[in-house]
Amino acid sequence: MYIQSSVTITKGFQIWKDMIGGMSEEMAQAGMKLIFAAVEANNDTKLHIITEFNSMDDAKEFIARPEIEERRRNSGVLTETTVMIPLGEAITTE
């Protein structure tokens, strides 16, 4: 299932990208695939992400892991601002 998420970041998009790049093993183990990530054109502290997980529960469990939450916080994510929305039927160009 696809999940659209948004968070506030405080250390910039590159720091967040570096954090995600260093988590490929953990993401694969959780069944997570990053589809898209970008900051808003007029607000580089607002990050929008589309991921693919087996279920919403898997996504929630993944970000609730203490080591994942710590990595997210260390990269500037204000974890309390996380909003996750499960998406329905989709069309992709993949």
PDB file of N, CA and C in Angstrom:
ATOM      1  N   MET A   1       0.838  -1.171   0.000  1.00  0.00           N
ATOM      2  CA  MET A   1       0.000   0.000   0.000  1.00  0.00           C
ATOM      3  C   MET A   1       0.888   1.241   0.000  1.00  0.00           C
ATOM      4  N   TYR A   2       0.397   2.278  -0.654  1.00  0.00           N
ATOM      5  CA  TYR A   2       1.112   3.550  -0.671  1.00  0.00           C
ATOM      6  C   TYR A   2       0.659   4.400   0.504  1.00  0.00           C
ATOM      7  N   ILE A   3       1.629   5.130   1.073  1.00  0.00           N
ATOM      8  CA  ILE A   3       1.344   6.008   2.208  1.00  0.00           C
ATOM      9  C   ILE A   3       1.970   7.368   1.923  1.00  0.00           C
ATOM     10  N   GLN A   4       1.161   8.406   2.039  1.00  0.00           N
ATOM     11  CA  GLN A   4       1.664   9.772   1.906  1.00  0.00           C
ATOM     12  C   GLN A   4       1.925  10.280   3.308  1.00  0.00           C
ATOM     13  N   SER A   5       3.139  10.785   3.526  1.00  0.00           N
ATOM     14  CA  SER A   5       3.513  11.313   4.838  1.00  0.00           C
ATOM     15  C   SER A   5       4.033  12.726   4.693  1.00  0.00           C
ATOM     16  N   SER A   6       3.889  13.483   5.741  1.00  0.00           N
ATOM     17  CA  SER A   6       4.517  14.804   5.784  1.00  0.00           C
ATOM     18  C   SER A   6       5.096  15.004   7.172  1.00  0.00           C
ATOM     19  N   VAL A   7       6.209  15.725   7.214  1.00  0.00           N
ATOM     20  CA  VAL A   7       6.880  16.055   8.467  1.00  0.00           C
ATOM     21  C   VAL A   7       7.548  17.412   8.320  1.00  0.00           C
ATOM     22  N   THR A   8       7.881  17.990   9.447  1.00  0.00           N
ATOM     23  CA  THR A   8       8.700  19.196   9.461  1.00  0.00           C
ATOM     24  C   THR A   8      10.141  18.769   9.711  1.00  0.00           C
ATOM     25  N   ILE A   9      11.054  19.327   8.913  1.00  0.00           N
ATOM     26  CA  ILE A   9      12.478  19.048   9.086  1.00  0.00           C
ATOM     27  C   ILE A   9      13.198  20.351   9.425  1.00  0.00           C
ATOM     28  N   THR A  10      14.238  20.246  10.241  1.00  0.00           N
ATOM     29  CA  THR A  10      14.930  21.451  10.722  1.00  0.00           C
ATOM     30  C   THR A  10      16.382  21.560  10.269  1.00  0.00           C
ATOM     31  N   LYS A  11      16.941  20.486   9.702  1.00  0.00           N
ATOM     32  CA  LYS A  11      18.357  20.511   9.326  1.00  0.00           C
ATOM     33  C   LYS A  11      18.577  20.469   7.818  1.00  0.00           C
ATOM     34  N   GLY A  12      17.502  20.576   7.057  1.00  0.00           N
ATOM     35  CA  GLY A  12      17.621  20.603   5.602  1.00  0.00           C
ATOM     36  C   GLY A  12      17.374  19.260   4.954  1.00  0.00           C
ATOM     37  N   PHE A  13      17.000  19.329   3.680  1.00  0.00           N
ATOM     38  CA  PHE A  13      16.638  18.141   2.913  1.00  0.00           C
ATOM     39  C   PHE A  13      17.826  17.206   2.716  1.00  0.00           C
ATOM     40  N   GLN A  14      19.026  17.739   2.506  1.00  0.00           N
ATOM     41  CA  GLN A  14      20.196  16.886   2.269  1.00  0.00           C
ATOM     42  C   GLN A  14      20.494  16.006   3.482  1.00  0.00           C
ATOM     43  N   ILE A  15      20.387  16.558   4.674  1.00  0.00           N
ATOM     44  CA  ILE A  15      20.619  15.760   5.894  1.00  0.00           C
ATOM     45  C   ILE A  15      19.603  14.638   5.970  1.00  0.00           C
ATOM     46  N   TRP A  16      18.347  14.931   5.656  1.00  0.00           N
ATOM     47  CA  TRP A  16      17.306  13.900   5.667  1.00  0.00           C
ATOM     48  C   TRP A  16      17.612  12.831   4.614  1.00  0.00           C
ATOM     49  N   LYS A  17      17.999  13.260   3.400  1.00  0.00           N
ATOM     50  CA  LYS A  17      18.335  12.309   2.335  1.00  0.00           C
ATOM     51  C   LYS A  17      19.497  11.411   2.747  1.00  0.00           C
ATOM     52  N   ASP A  18      20.497  11.973   3.412  1.00  0.00           N
ATOM     53  CA  ASP A  18      21.626  11.176   3.879  1.00  0.00           C
ATOM     54  C   ASP A  18      21.169  10.126   4.889  1.00  0.00           C
ATOM     55  N   MET A  19      20.258  10.513   5.774  1.00  0.00           N
ATOM     56  CA  MET A  19      19.730   9.580   6.771  1.00  0.00           C
ATOM     57  C   MET A  19      19.012   8.431   6.073  1.00  0.00           C
ATOM     58  N   ILE A  20      18.138   8.738   5.115  1.00  0.00           N
ATOM     59  CA  ILE A  20      17.398   7.707   4.382  1.00  0.00           C
ATOM     60  C   ILE A  20      18.362   6.810   3.613  1.00  0.00           C
ATOM     61  N   GLY A  21      19.369   7.399   3.015  1.00  0.00           N
ATOM     62  CA  GLY A  21      20.348   6.623   2.262  1.00  0.00           C
ATOM     63  C   GLY A  21      21.094   5.619   3.118  1.00  0.00           C
ATOM     64  N   GLY A  22      21.245   5.927   4.393  1.00  0.00           N
ATOM     65  CA  GLY A  22      21.931   5.026   5.314  1.00  0.00           C
ATOM     66  C   GLY A  22      21.028   3.995   5.964  1.00  0.00           C
ATOM     67  N   MET A  23      19.760   3.958   5.573  1.00  0.00           N
ATOM     68  CA  MET A  23      18.811   3.035   6.193  1.00  0.00           C
ATOM     69  C   MET A  23      18.270   2.002   5.213  1.00  0.00           C
ATOM     70  N   SER A  24      18.944   1.769   4.111  1.00  0.00           N
ATOM     71  CA  SER A  24      18.394   0.876   3.091  1.00  0.00           C
ATOM     72  C   SER A  24      18.159  -0.536   3.619  1.00  0.00           C
ATOM     73  N   GLU A  25      19.039  -1.032   4.447  1.00  0.00           N
ATOM     74  CA  GLU A  25      18.867  -2.383   4.992  1.00  0.00           C
ATOM     75  C   GLU A  25      17.631  -2.459   5.896  1.00  0.00           C
ATOM     76  N   GLU A  26      17.500  -1.492   6.804  1.00  0.00           N
ATOM     77  CA  GLU A  26      16.346  -1.471   7.708  1.00  0.00           C
ATOM     78  C   GLU A  26      15.039  -1.306   6.930  1.00  0.00           C
ATOM     79  N   MET A  27      15.072  -0.460   5.912  1.00  0.00           N
ATOM     80  CA  MET A  27      13.882  -0.241   5.099  1.00  0.00           C
ATOM     81  C   MET A  27      13.484  -1.522   4.375  1.00  0.00           C
ATOM     82  N   ALA A  28      14.446  -2.210   3.794  1.00  0.00           N
ATOM     83  CA  ALA A  28      14.162  -3.453   3.079  1.00  0.00           C
ATOM     84  C   ALA A  28      13.596  -4.506   4.025  1.00  0.00           C
ATOM     85  N   GLN A  29      14.164  -4.618   5.210  1.00  0.00           N
ATOM     86  CA  GLN A  29      13.672  -5.591   6.190  1.00  0.00           C
ATOM     87  C   GLN A  29      12.234  -5.293   6.600  1.00  0.00           C
ATOM     88  N   ALA A  30      11.864  -4.019   6.615  1.00  0.00           N
ATOM     89  CA  ALA A  30      10.511  -3.616   7.004  1.00  0.00           C
ATOM     90  C   ALA A  30       9.542  -3.672   5.821  1.00  0.00           C
ATOM     91  N   GLY A  31      10.035  -4.000   4.633  1.00  0.00           N
ATOM     92  CA  GLY A  31       9.180  -4.016   3.455  1.00  0.00           C
ATOM     93  C   GLY A  31       8.843  -2.627   2.952  1.00  0.00           C
ATOM     94  N   MET A  32       9.709  -1.659   3.266  1.00  0.00           N
ATOM     95  CA  MET A  32       9.475  -0.262   2.889  1.00  0.00           C
ATOM     96  C   MET A  32      10.201   0.077   1.601  1.00  0.00           C
ATOM     97  N   LYS A  33       9.503   0.776   0.737  1.00  0.00           N
ATOM     98  CA  LYS A  33      10.109   1.293  -0.484  1.00  0.00           C
ATOM     99  C   LYS A  33       9.793   2.783  -0.564  1.00  0.00           C
ATOM    100  N   LEU A  34      10.834   3.600  -0.712  1.00  0.00           N
ATOM    101  CA  LEU A  34      10.648   5.037  -0.888  1.00  0.00           C
ATOM    102  C   LEU A  34      10.297   5.293  -2.347  1.00  0.00           C
ATOM    103  N   ILE A  35       9.155   5.909  -2.584  1.00  0.00           N
ATOM    104  CA  ILE A  35       8.702   6.205  -3.941  1.00  0.00           C
ATOM    105  C   ILE A  35       9.075   7.627  -4.335  1.00  0.00           C
ATOM    106  N   PHE A  36       8.877   8.577  -3.423  1.00  0.00           N
ATOM    107  CA  PHE A  36       9.058   9.992  -3.753  1.00  0.00           C
ATOM    108  C   PHE A  36       9.267  10.775  -2.467  1.00  0.00           C
ATOM    109  N   ALA A  37      10.111  11.786  -2.522  1.00  0.00           N
ATOM    110  CA  ALA A  37      10.284  12.704  -1.394  1.00  0.00           C
ATOM    111  C   ALA A  37      10.682  14.067  -1.939  1.00  0.00           C
ATOM    112  N   ALA A  38      10.076  15.122  -1.388  1.00  0.00           N
ATOM    113  CA  ALA A  38      10.402  16.490  -1.794  1.00  0.00           C
ATOM    114  C   ALA A  38       9.938  17.456  -0.720  1.00  0.00           C
ATOM    115  N   VAL A  39      10.622  18.594  -0.647  1.00  0.00           N
ATOM    116  CA  VAL A  39      10.167  19.672   0.219  1.00  0.00           C
ATOM    117  C   VAL A  39       9.265  20.589  -0.600  1.00  0.00           C
ATOM    118  N   GLU A  40       8.433  21.328   0.088  1.00  0.00           N
ATOM    119  CA  GLU A  40       7.544  22.276  -0.591  1.00  0.00           C
ATOM    120  C   GLU A  40       8.376  23.364  -1.258  1.00  0.00           C
ATOM    121  N   ALA A  41       7.905  23.843  -2.386  1.00  0.00           N
ATOM    122  CA  ALA A  41       8.619  24.867  -3.155  1.00  0.00           C
ATOM    123  C   ALA A  41       8.849  26.138  -2.356  1.00  0.00           C
ATOM    124  N   ASN A  42       7.886  26.523  -1.522  1.00  0.00           N
ATOM    125  CA  ASN A  42       7.996  27.760  -0.766  1.00  0.00           C
ATOM    126  C   ASN A  42       8.214  27.555   0.731  1.00  0.00           C
ATOM    127  N   ASN A  43       8.513  26.306   1.129  1.00  0.00           N
ATOM    128  CA  ASN A  43       8.740  26.019   2.551  1.00  0.00           C
ATOM    129  C   ASN A  43       9.639  24.793   2.650  1.00  0.00           C
ATOM    130  N   ASP A  44      10.963  25.036   2.699  1.00  0.00           N
ATOM    131  CA  ASP A  44      11.896  23.909   2.691  1.00  0.00           C
ATOM    132  C   ASP A  44      11.989  23.170   4.027  1.00  0.00           C
ATOM    133  N   THR A  45      11.120  23.509   4.962  1.00  0.00           N
ATOM    134  CA  THR A  45      11.056  22.739   6.204  1.00  0.00           C
ATOM    135  C   THR A  45       9.909  21.732   6.191  1.00  0.00           C
ATOM    136  N   LYS A  46       9.075  21.783   5.174  1.00  0.00           N
ATOM    137  CA  LYS A  46       7.928  20.871   5.082  1.00  0.00           C
ATOM    138  C   LYS A  46       8.239  19.802   4.036  1.00  0.00           C
ATOM    139  N   LEU A  47       8.418  18.572   4.503  1.00  0.00           N
ATOM    140  CA  LEU A  47       8.795  17.447   3.658  1.00  0.00           C
ATOM    141  C   LEU A  47       7.594  16.544   3.409  1.00  0.00           C
ATOM    142  N   HIS A  48       7.412  16.159   2.142  1.00  0.00           N
ATOM    143  CA  HIS A  48       6.348  15.240   1.759  1.00  0.00           C
ATOM    144  C   HIS A  48       6.987  13.982   1.184  1.00  0.00           C
ATOM    145  N   ILE A  49       6.467  12.837   1.593  1.00  0.00           N
ATOM    146  CA  ILE A  49       7.057  11.560   1.226  1.00  0.00           C
ATOM    147  C   ILE A  49       5.940  10.603   0.801  1.00  0.00           C
ATOM    148  N   ILE A  50       6.223   9.822  -0.217  1.00  0.00           N
ATOM    149  CA  ILE A  50       5.335   8.705  -0.556  1.00  0.00           C
ATOM    150  C   ILE A  50       6.171   7.442  -0.442  1.00  0.00           C
ATOM    151  N   THR A  51       5.678   6.511   0.366  1.00  0.00           N
ATOM    152  CA  THR A  51       6.353   5.242   0.565  1.00  0.00           C
ATOM    153  C   THR A  51       5.392   4.114   0.233  1.00  0.00           C
ATOM    154  N   GLU A  52       5.966   2.928   0.104  1.00  0.00           N
ATOM    155  CA  GLU A  52       5.165   1.730  -0.065  1.00  0.00           C
ATOM    156  C   GLU A  52       5.516   0.773   1.069  1.00  0.00           C
ATOM    157  N   PHE A  53       4.501   0.285   1.751  1.00  0.00           N
ATOM    158  CA  PHE A  53       4.633  -0.701   2.818  1.00  0.00           C
ATOM    159  C   PHE A  53       3.607  -1.795   2.570  1.00  0.00           C
ATOM    160  N   ASN A  54       3.772  -2.918   3.251  1.00  0.00           N
ATOM    161  CA  ASN A  54       2.761  -3.978   3.176  1.00  0.00           C
ATOM    162  C   ASN A  54       1.453  -3.533   3.810  1.00  0.00           C
ATOM    163  N   SER A  55       1.532  -2.712   4.859  1.00  0.00           N
ATOM    164  CA  SER A  55       0.325  -2.257   5.555  1.00  0.00           C
ATOM    165  C   SER A  55       0.629  -0.979   6.324  1.00  0.00           C
ATOM    166  N   MET A  56      -0.423  -0.285   6.725  1.00  0.00           N
ATOM    167  CA  MET A  56      -0.269   0.916   7.550  1.00  0.00           C
ATOM    168  C   MET A  56       0.339   0.535   8.899  1.00  0.00           C
ATOM    169  N   ASP A  57      -0.053  -0.611   9.434  1.00  0.00           N
ATOM    170  CA  ASP A  57       0.519  -1.063  10.704  1.00  0.00           C
ATOM    171  C   ASP A  57       2.022  -1.251  10.594  1.00  0.00           C
ATOM    172  N   ASP A  58       2.500  -1.823   9.487  1.00  0.00           N
ATOM    173  CA  ASP A  58       3.941  -1.984   9.294  1.00  0.00           C
ATOM    174  C   ASP A  58       4.645  -0.636   9.262  1.00  0.00           C
ATOM    175  N   ALA A  59       4.040   0.343   8.612  1.00  0.00           N
ATOM    176  CA  ALA A  59       4.635   1.680   8.540  1.00  0.00           C
ATOM    177  C   ALA A  59       4.711   2.309   9.927  1.00  0.00           C
ATOM    178  N   LYS A  60       3.637   2.198  10.699  1.00  0.00           N
ATOM    179  CA  LYS A  60       3.618   2.765  12.048  1.00  0.00           C
ATOM    180  C   LYS A  60       4.622   2.076  12.953  1.00  0.00           C
ATOM    181  N   GLU A  61       4.717   0.757  12.836  1.00  0.00           N
ATOM    182  CA  GLU A  61       5.690   0.009  13.640  1.00  0.00           C
ATOM    183  C   GLU A  61       7.111   0.416  13.291  1.00  0.00           C
ATOM    184  N   PHE A  62       7.380   0.622  11.995  1.00  0.00           N
ATOM    185  CA  PHE A  62       8.723   0.995  11.559  1.00  0.00           C
ATOM    186  C   PHE A  62       9.153   2.325  12.168  1.00  0.00           C
ATOM    187  N   ILE A  63       8.320   3.356  12.036  1.00  0.00           N
ATOM    188  CA  ILE A  63       8.749   4.669  12.547  1.00  0.00           C
ATOM    189  C   ILE A  63       8.720   4.744  14.070  1.00  0.00           C
ATOM    190  N   ALA A  64       8.047   3.786  14.724  1.00  0.00           N
ATOM    191  CA  ALA A  64       7.997   3.771  16.186  1.00  0.00           C
ATOM    192  C   ALA A  64       9.200   3.058  16.804  1.00  0.00           C
ATOM    193  N   ARG A  65       9.985   2.356  15.994  1.00  0.00           N
ATOM    194  CA  ARG A  65      11.173   1.685  16.535  1.00  0.00           C
ATOM    195  C   ARG A  65      12.090   2.744  17.136  1.00  0.00           C
ATOM    196  N   PRO A  66      12.561   2.522  18.354  1.00  0.00           N
ATOM    197  CA  PRO A  66      13.414   3.536  19.005  1.00  0.00           C
ATOM    198  C   PRO A  66      14.626   3.942  18.174  1.00  0.00           C
ATOM    199  N   GLU A  67      15.297   2.976  17.526  1.00  0.00           N
ATOM    200  CA  GLU A  67      16.493   3.320  16.752  1.00  0.00           C
ATOM    201  C   GLU A  67      16.141   4.120  15.501  1.00  0.00           C
ATOM    202  N   ILE A  68      14.972   3.866  14.915  1.00  0.00           N
ATOM    203  CA  ILE A  68      14.538   4.624  13.732  1.00  0.00           C
ATOM    204  C   ILE A  68      14.108   6.023  14.151  1.00  0.00           C
ATOM    205  N   GLU A  69      13.367   6.111  15.240  1.00  0.00           N
ATOM    206  CA  GLU A  69      12.949   7.426  15.725  1.00  0.00           C
ATOM    207  C   GLU A  69      14.164   8.279  16.064  1.00  0.00           C
ATOM    208  N   GLU A  70      15.180   7.680  16.686  1.00  0.00           N
ATOM    209  CA  GLU A  70      16.392   8.428  17.027  1.00  0.00           C
ATOM    210  C   GLU A  70      17.104   8.926  15.764  1.00  0.00           C
ATOM    211  N   ARG A  71      17.205   8.087  14.763  1.00  0.00           N
ATOM    212  CA  ARG A  71      17.852   8.501  13.510  1.00  0.00           C
ATOM    213  C   ARG A  71      17.070   9.632  12.852  1.00  0.00           C
ATOM    214  N   ARG A  72      15.749   9.522  12.870  1.00  0.00           N
ATOM    215  CA  ARG A  72      14.918  10.572  12.289  1.00  0.00           C
ATOM    216  C   ARG A  72      15.131  11.887  13.038  1.00  0.00           C
ATOM    217  N   ARG A  73      15.096  11.830  14.371  1.00  0.00           N
ATOM    218  CA  ARG A  73      15.309  13.052  15.164  1.00  0.00           C
ATOM    219  C   ARG A  73      16.692  13.648  14.908  1.00  0.00           C
ATOM    220  N   ASN A  74      17.711  12.796  14.860  1.00  0.00           N
ATOM    221  CA  ASN A  74      19.075  13.273  14.625  1.00  0.00           C
ATOM    222  C   ASN A  74      19.235  13.935  13.260  1.00  0.00           C
ATOM    223  N   SER A  75      18.387  13.563  12.313  1.00  0.00           N
ATOM    224  CA  SER A  75      18.467  14.179  10.978  1.00  0.00           C
ATOM    225  C   SER A  75      17.616  15.443  10.878  1.00  0.00           C
ATOM    226  N   GLY A  76      16.987  15.841  11.983  1.00  0.00           N
ATOM    227  CA  GLY A  76      16.224  17.080  11.994  1.00  0.00           C
ATOM    228  C   GLY A  76      14.729  16.922  11.855  1.00  0.00           C
ATOM    229  N   VAL A  77      14.227  15.686  11.850  1.00  0.00           N
ATOM    230  CA  VAL A  77      12.785  15.471  11.752  1.00  0.00           C
ATOM    231  C   VAL A  77      12.135  15.777  13.102  1.00  0.00           C
ATOM    232  N   LEU A  78      11.137  16.634  13.089  1.00  0.00           N
ATOM    233  CA  LEU A  78      10.320  16.845  14.282  1.00  0.00           C
ATOM    234  C   LEU A  78       9.265  15.741  14.248  1.00  0.00           C
ATOM    235  N   THR A  79       9.580  14.625  14.894  1.00  0.00           N
ATOM    236  CA  THR A  79       8.751  13.423  14.757  1.00  0.00           C
ATOM    237  C   THR A  79       7.308  13.642  15.188  1.00  0.00           C
ATOM    238  N   GLU A  80       7.077  14.577  16.084  1.00  0.00           N
ATOM    239  CA  GLU A  80       5.713  14.846  16.538  1.00  0.00           C
ATOM    240  C   GLU A  80       4.854  15.492  15.455  1.00  0.00           C
ATOM    241  N   THR A  81       5.480  15.946  14.355  1.00  0.00           N
ATOM    242  CA  THR A  81       4.718  16.554  13.258  1.00  0.00           C
ATOM    243  C   THR A  81       4.347  15.538  12.178  1.00  0.00           C
ATOM    244  N   THR A  82       4.717  14.284  12.369  1.00  0.00           N
ATOM    245  CA  THR A  82       4.462  13.256  11.352  1.00  0.00           C
ATOM    246  C   THR A  82       2.967  13.041  11.131  1.00  0.00           C
ATOM    247  N   VAL A  83       2.560  13.132   9.870  1.00  0.00           N
ATOM    248  CA  VAL A  83       1.193  12.828   9.460  1.00  0.00           C
ATOM    249  C   VAL A  83       1.310  11.753   8.387  1.00  0.00           C
ATOM    250  N   MET A  84       0.594  10.646   8.583  1.00  0.00           N
ATOM    251  CA  MET A  84       0.626   9.541   7.624  1.00  0.00           C
ATOM    252  C   MET A  84      -0.793   9.283   7.121  1.00  0.00           C
ATOM    253  N   ILE A  85      -0.936   9.234   5.794  1.00  0.00           N
ATOM    254  CA  ILE A  85      -2.247   9.031   5.181  1.00  0.00           C
ATOM    255  C   ILE A  85      -2.165   7.826   4.241  1.00  0.00           C
ATOM    256  N   PRO A  86      -2.947   6.778   4.505  1.00  0.00           N
ATOM    257  CA  PRO A  86      -2.963   5.650   3.571  1.00  0.00           C
ATOM    258  C   PRO A  86      -3.659   6.067   2.282  1.00  0.00           C
ATOM    259  N   LEU A  87      -3.086   5.676   1.158  1.00  0.00           N
ATOM    260  CA  LEU A  87      -3.661   6.026  -0.131  1.00  0.00           C
ATOM    261  C   LEU A  87      -4.397   4.822  -0.724  1.00  0.00           C
ATOM    262  N   GLY A  88      -5.400   5.109  -1.525  1.00  0.00           N
ATOM    263  CA  GLY A  88      -6.192   4.068  -2.169  1.00  0.00           C
ATOM    264  C   GLY A  88      -5.620   3.696  -3.514  1.00  0.00           C
ATOM    265  N   GLU A  89      -6.498   3.385  -4.435  1.00  0.00           N
ATOM    266  CA  GLU A  89      -6.122   2.970  -5.764  1.00  0.00           C
ATOM    267  C   GLU A  89      -5.192   4.005  -6.409  1.00  0.00           C
ATOM    268  N   ALA A  90      -4.173   3.527  -7.108  1.00  0.00           N
ATOM    269  CA  ALA A  90      -3.168   4.427  -7.674  1.00  0.00           C
ATOM    270  C   ALA A  90      -2.828   4.017  -9.093  1.00  0.00           C
ATOM    271  N   ILE A  91      -2.247   4.959  -9.801  1.00  0.00           N
ATOM    272  CA  ILE A  91      -1.654   4.683 -11.104  1.00  0.00           C
ATOM    273  C   ILE A  91      -0.218   5.175 -11.026  1.00  0.00           C
ATOM    274  N   THR A  92       0.705   4.366 -11.504  1.00  0.00           N
ATOM    275  CA  THR A  92       2.114   4.763 -11.517  1.00  0.00           C
ATOM    276  C   THR A  92       2.663   4.547 -12.920  1.00  0.00           C
ATOM    277  N   THR A  93       3.825   5.122 -13.161  1.00  0.00           N
ATOM    278  CA  THR A  93       4.461   4.952 -14.460  1.00  0.00           C
ATOM    279  C   THR A  93       5.600   3.937 -14.376  1.00  0.00           C
ATOM    280  N   GLU A  94       5.693   3.256 -13.248  1.00  0.00           N
ATOM    281  CA  GLU A  94       6.754   2.253 -13.078  1.00  0.00           C
ATOM    282  C   GLU A  94       6.500   1.020 -13.898  1.00  0.00           C
TER     283      GLU A  94
END
